Protein backbone atom coordinates (compact mmCIF):
# COMPACT_ATOMS: atom_id res chain seq x y z
CA MET A 1 -96.01 52.98 107.86
CA ASN A 2 -93.66 55.80 106.96
CA SER A 3 -95.32 57.85 104.25
CA ALA A 4 -92.64 60.54 104.07
CA VAL A 5 -91.55 61.36 100.57
CA GLN A 6 -87.89 60.60 99.98
CA THR A 7 -86.01 63.50 98.39
CA PRO A 8 -83.48 62.33 95.81
CA VAL A 9 -79.93 63.00 96.94
CA THR A 10 -77.79 64.82 94.41
CA PRO A 11 -74.29 63.38 94.51
CA THR A 12 -71.49 65.77 95.40
CA PRO A 13 -69.17 65.92 92.42
CA ASP A 14 -65.58 64.78 92.91
CA PHE A 15 -64.06 67.89 91.36
CA ALA A 16 -60.49 66.60 91.68
CA ALA A 17 -61.30 63.44 89.73
CA ILE A 18 -63.29 65.41 87.17
CA LYS A 19 -60.40 67.79 86.61
CA ARG A 20 -57.97 64.93 86.10
CA LYS A 21 -60.24 63.61 83.36
CA GLN A 22 -60.60 67.10 81.89
CA GLN A 23 -56.84 67.56 81.78
CA ALA A 24 -56.52 64.29 79.88
CA THR A 25 -59.33 65.36 77.55
CA TRP A 26 -57.82 68.74 76.67
CA ALA A 27 -54.36 67.21 76.31
CA SER A 28 -55.71 64.72 73.77
CA GLY A 29 -55.86 65.50 70.08
CA ASP A 30 -54.29 68.87 69.30
CA PHE A 31 -56.52 71.72 70.41
CA ALA A 32 -54.27 74.32 68.78
CA VAL A 33 -55.50 73.20 65.34
CA VAL A 34 -58.98 74.37 66.32
CA GLY A 35 -57.89 77.06 68.76
CA THR A 36 -56.00 79.16 66.25
CA THR A 37 -59.14 79.52 64.14
CA LEU A 38 -60.77 81.33 67.09
CA GLN A 39 -58.16 84.11 67.30
CA ILE A 40 -60.60 86.84 66.23
CA VAL A 41 -62.59 86.24 69.41
CA GLY A 42 -59.53 87.07 71.54
CA GLU A 43 -58.98 90.27 69.58
CA GLN A 44 -62.59 91.36 69.97
CA LEU A 45 -62.54 90.54 73.69
CA ALA A 46 -59.36 92.57 74.25
CA GLU A 47 -61.10 95.54 72.65
CA ALA A 48 -64.31 95.03 74.64
CA ALA A 49 -62.32 94.84 77.89
CA ASP A 50 -60.35 97.95 76.86
CA ILE A 51 -56.94 96.33 77.41
CA ARG A 52 -54.27 99.05 77.58
CA ALA A 53 -50.49 99.15 77.29
CA GLY A 54 -48.73 98.48 80.57
CA GLU A 55 -51.69 96.86 82.31
CA LYS A 56 -51.17 93.59 84.17
CA VAL A 57 -53.38 91.04 82.41
CA LEU A 58 -54.08 87.42 83.35
CA ASP A 59 -55.44 84.91 80.83
CA VAL A 60 -57.03 81.95 82.66
CA ALA A 61 -57.72 78.57 81.07
CA ALA A 62 -55.81 80.17 78.23
CA GLY A 63 -55.53 77.15 75.94
CA ASN A 64 -53.13 77.99 73.15
CA GLY A 65 -53.31 81.68 73.92
CA ASN A 66 -55.82 83.62 71.84
CA ALA A 67 -56.65 86.20 74.52
CA THR A 68 -53.02 86.05 75.66
CA LEU A 69 -51.70 87.10 72.26
CA ALA A 70 -54.40 89.74 71.81
CA ALA A 71 -53.46 91.40 75.11
CA ALA A 72 -49.72 91.13 74.40
CA ARG A 73 -50.23 92.78 71.00
CA ARG A 74 -51.64 95.73 72.93
CA PHE A 75 -48.39 95.93 74.94
CA ALA A 76 -49.93 94.67 78.17
CA ASP A 77 -47.90 92.77 80.78
CA VAL A 78 -49.46 89.33 80.23
CA THR A 79 -49.45 86.14 82.30
CA SER A 80 -50.96 83.15 80.49
CA THR A 81 -52.20 80.20 82.58
CA ASP A 82 -53.76 76.81 81.98
CA TYR A 83 -53.72 73.49 83.81
CA VAL A 84 -52.64 71.64 80.66
CA PRO A 85 -48.91 72.31 80.07
CA THR A 86 -48.97 71.16 76.44
CA LEU A 87 -51.50 73.88 75.59
CA LEU A 88 -49.26 76.52 77.16
CA GLU A 89 -46.36 75.22 75.08
CA ARG A 90 -48.35 75.92 71.93
CA GLY A 91 -49.19 79.40 73.17
CA SER A 92 -45.55 80.02 74.02
CA ALA A 93 -44.48 79.00 70.50
CA ARG A 94 -47.01 81.41 69.00
CA ALA A 95 -45.80 84.27 71.22
CA ALA A 96 -42.18 83.55 70.34
CA ALA A 97 -42.99 83.56 66.63
CA GLU A 98 -44.39 87.07 66.97
CA GLY A 99 -41.69 88.31 69.35
CA LEU A 100 -44.22 88.90 72.13
CA LYS A 101 -43.10 88.85 75.75
CA VAL A 102 -45.49 86.72 77.82
CA ARG A 103 -45.13 84.79 81.08
CA PHE A 104 -46.55 81.25 80.82
CA LEU A 105 -47.44 79.40 84.00
CA THR A 106 -49.22 76.11 84.67
CA ALA A 107 -52.09 76.98 87.02
CA ASP A 108 -55.64 75.95 87.83
CA VAL A 109 -58.25 78.74 87.63
CA GLU A 110 -59.86 77.29 90.76
CA ALA A 111 -56.64 77.85 92.76
CA LEU A 112 -54.68 80.71 91.21
CA PRO A 113 -51.14 81.21 92.62
CA PHE A 114 -51.33 85.01 92.81
CA ASP A 115 -51.87 87.55 95.57
CA ASP A 116 -55.13 89.42 95.95
CA GLY A 117 -55.55 92.38 93.61
CA THR A 118 -52.55 91.54 91.42
CA PHE A 119 -54.11 92.18 87.99
CA ASP A 120 -55.84 95.01 86.15
CA ALA A 121 -57.75 92.59 83.92
CA VAL A 122 -58.53 88.88 83.75
CA LEU A 123 -59.50 87.31 80.41
CA SER A 124 -60.77 83.94 79.23
CA THR A 125 -62.02 82.84 75.82
CA TYR A 126 -64.03 79.60 75.98
CA GLY A 127 -61.82 78.52 78.87
CA VAL A 128 -63.01 79.14 82.43
CA MET A 129 -66.50 78.04 81.42
CA PHE A 130 -65.23 74.44 81.36
CA ALA A 131 -63.90 74.48 84.94
CA PRO A 132 -66.19 72.20 86.98
CA ASP A 133 -66.60 74.40 90.09
CA HIS A 134 -68.21 77.58 88.74
CA ALA A 135 -68.41 79.48 92.03
CA THR A 136 -64.78 78.84 92.96
CA SER A 137 -63.56 79.87 89.49
CA ALA A 138 -65.50 83.13 89.67
CA ALA A 139 -64.26 83.84 93.19
CA GLU A 140 -60.63 83.25 92.20
CA MET A 141 -60.84 85.59 89.21
CA LEU A 142 -62.34 88.27 91.42
CA ARG A 143 -59.77 87.73 94.16
CA VAL A 144 -56.71 88.30 91.96
CA LEU A 145 -58.31 91.35 90.30
CA ARG A 146 -57.84 94.84 91.72
CA PRO A 147 -60.88 96.96 92.61
CA GLY A 148 -62.09 98.64 89.43
CA GLY A 149 -60.45 95.97 87.27
CA ARG A 150 -62.22 94.10 84.46
CA ILE A 151 -62.99 90.47 83.77
CA GLY A 152 -63.47 89.77 80.06
CA LEU A 153 -65.09 86.48 79.00
CA ALA A 154 -66.22 84.80 75.81
CA ASN A 155 -68.63 81.95 76.61
CA TRP A 156 -70.69 79.74 74.29
CA THR A 157 -74.46 80.13 74.83
CA PRO A 158 -76.88 77.23 75.47
CA PRO A 159 -79.01 77.77 72.31
CA GLY A 160 -76.02 78.44 70.06
CA PHE A 161 -74.25 75.84 67.94
CA ILE A 162 -71.67 74.76 70.54
CA GLY A 163 -74.29 74.73 73.30
CA ARG A 164 -76.38 72.43 71.15
CA LEU A 165 -73.29 70.32 70.37
CA PHE A 166 -72.76 69.81 74.13
CA LYS A 167 -76.27 68.36 74.33
CA VAL A 168 -75.73 66.09 71.34
CA ILE A 169 -72.50 64.72 72.81
CA GLY A 170 -74.10 64.41 76.26
CA ALA A 171 -76.86 62.24 74.80
CA HIS A 172 -74.22 59.73 73.70
CA VAL A 173 -71.59 60.18 76.44
CA PRO A 174 -73.27 61.53 79.61
CA PRO A 175 -71.31 64.18 81.56
CA PRO A 176 -70.26 63.60 85.20
CA ALA A 177 -73.20 63.57 87.62
CA GLY A 178 -73.82 66.79 89.52
CA VAL A 179 -71.61 69.02 87.37
CA LYS A 180 -73.24 72.16 86.02
CA SER A 181 -73.24 72.66 82.27
CA PRO A 182 -70.41 74.90 80.99
CA ALA A 183 -72.98 76.58 78.74
CA LEU A 184 -74.51 78.26 81.82
CA TRP A 185 -71.60 80.71 81.57
CA GLY A 186 -73.25 81.88 78.36
CA THR A 187 -76.32 83.15 80.25
CA GLU A 188 -76.53 86.55 81.91
CA GLU A 189 -78.58 85.11 84.78
CA HIS A 190 -75.83 82.68 85.78
CA LEU A 191 -73.15 85.35 85.50
CA ARG A 192 -75.11 87.68 87.76
CA ALA A 193 -75.48 84.88 90.28
CA LEU A 194 -71.70 84.31 90.21
CA PHE A 195 -70.45 87.90 90.08
CA GLY A 196 -73.36 90.23 90.84
CA ASP A 197 -72.55 91.14 94.46
CA ALA A 198 -68.92 91.90 93.63
CA ALA A 199 -69.52 93.74 90.34
CA SER A 200 -70.22 97.40 89.74
CA SER A 201 -71.31 96.49 86.22
CA ILE A 202 -71.83 93.40 84.04
CA ARG A 203 -72.02 94.12 80.32
CA CYS A 204 -73.11 91.31 78.00
CA GLU A 205 -73.34 91.24 74.23
CA ARG A 206 -74.30 88.31 72.02
CA ARG A 207 -71.85 87.73 69.19
CA LEU A 208 -71.28 85.16 66.47
CA PHE A 209 -68.16 83.26 65.56
CA ASN A 210 -68.39 81.62 62.16
CA PHE A 211 -66.93 78.14 61.88
CA ARG A 212 -65.68 77.98 58.27
CA TYR A 213 -64.81 74.53 56.91
CA ARG A 214 -64.82 72.75 53.56
CA SER A 215 -67.86 70.66 54.45
CA ALA A 216 -69.71 69.11 57.37
CA ALA A 217 -67.59 65.97 56.97
CA HIS A 218 -64.44 68.12 57.12
CA TRP A 219 -65.63 69.76 60.36
CA VAL A 220 -66.37 66.37 61.92
CA GLN A 221 -62.95 65.03 60.93
CA VAL A 222 -61.08 68.04 62.35
CA PHE A 223 -63.01 68.06 65.62
CA ARG A 224 -62.86 64.28 65.94
CA ASP A 225 -59.09 64.30 65.47
CA PHE A 226 -58.05 67.46 67.30
CA TYR A 227 -60.72 68.91 69.65
CA GLY A 228 -60.37 67.16 73.01
CA PRO A 229 -64.04 66.81 74.06
CA THR A 230 -65.14 65.52 70.66
CA HIS A 231 -62.03 63.36 70.32
CA LYS A 232 -62.67 61.72 73.70
CA ALA A 233 -66.41 61.31 73.06
CA PHE A 234 -65.81 59.32 69.89
CA ALA A 235 -63.08 57.29 71.60
CA ALA A 236 -65.48 56.32 74.40
CA LEU A 237 -67.96 54.70 71.99
CA ASP A 238 -67.93 51.48 70.04
CA ALA A 239 -68.28 51.50 66.25
CA THR A 240 -72.08 51.63 66.35
CA GLY A 241 -72.04 54.44 68.90
CA GLN A 242 -69.51 56.41 66.86
CA GLN A 243 -71.72 56.15 63.79
CA ALA A 244 -74.73 57.36 65.77
CA LEU A 245 -72.82 60.31 67.23
CA GLU A 246 -71.45 61.27 63.80
CA ARG A 247 -74.96 61.09 62.32
CA ASP A 248 -76.34 63.42 65.00
CA VAL A 249 -73.46 65.88 64.70
CA LEU A 250 -73.85 66.00 60.91
CA ALA A 251 -77.56 66.71 61.35
CA LEU A 252 -76.75 69.58 63.72
CA LEU A 253 -74.22 71.01 61.27
CA ALA A 254 -76.80 70.80 58.47
CA GLU A 255 -79.28 72.68 60.64
CA PHE A 256 -76.87 75.55 61.31
CA ASN A 257 -75.01 75.70 57.98
CA THR A 258 -75.62 78.94 56.08
CA ALA A 259 -73.32 78.19 53.11
CA GLY A 260 -75.38 75.67 51.18
CA GLU A 261 -73.92 72.49 49.74
CA ARG A 262 -70.62 73.86 48.44
CA SER A 263 -69.07 74.76 51.80
CA LEU A 264 -69.73 75.01 55.53
CA VAL A 265 -70.32 78.21 57.47
CA VAL A 266 -71.82 77.63 60.91
CA PRO A 267 -72.53 80.69 63.09
CA GLY A 268 -71.71 79.87 66.70
CA GLU A 269 -73.35 82.22 69.18
CA TYR A 270 -71.37 83.28 72.23
CA LEU A 271 -71.74 85.82 75.01
CA GLU A 272 -69.06 88.49 75.22
CA VAL A 273 -68.92 89.64 78.84
CA VAL A 274 -67.12 92.49 80.61
CA ILE A 275 -67.44 92.56 84.40
CA THR A 276 -66.09 95.49 86.39
CA LYS A 277 -65.16 94.74 89.99
CA ARG A 278 -66.35 97.10 92.71
């Protein structure tokens, strides 16, 4: 009789299939409605990364361009990339409205179409953290960055509001098997595992972004209509499942709300990160 203990086999994620689904998710709804409310994070990150006039700056998984615009306002030479063309179109419209010169290019952070050492700084606000292959994303950002250049990231933390929201959604609509949680990017330990050998320094600071809405119901409606992951999660459930998800999200909002019954102010913790390449 064979008494050997069988070790469970962890399935290898099909990253190509996962990314196709992600592209469809982020193209659904209208992320710009939510994205524009996060602009202050891009401004703070540009300051933390010390973006200077004339520097070559790459924004990866740029969405509708918060870090892109922040760097361009500082007279940097900015290239804005995302693998969802419709998001870049919204960023391009914002740049045009302000008269900012930015290059927009459809590109996957896991396979960036740039030579080694092209950029002085690489930025991402709540973007690269959602790429399924963490190690490849980190390696690509490092590759296109010159020695001594900076990577500036804003990543939601696991215990913060959005990290908790990921868990609530995952309880109703499970994520793909074998894919690491995006919230790991909000932990210093994971960042050191990804970048430590190539970094001369990794500086992390916990910050808060305040979600400000009329009410919890207003937040749910906006995110259900416009924010891709929430939009798709609700669409994947039947009526009973949608009611259960909404109930759990409302409970989470009530837990975090600091504004009382007349409004909604939900502090969302994130990790502001500046990595300097050796």
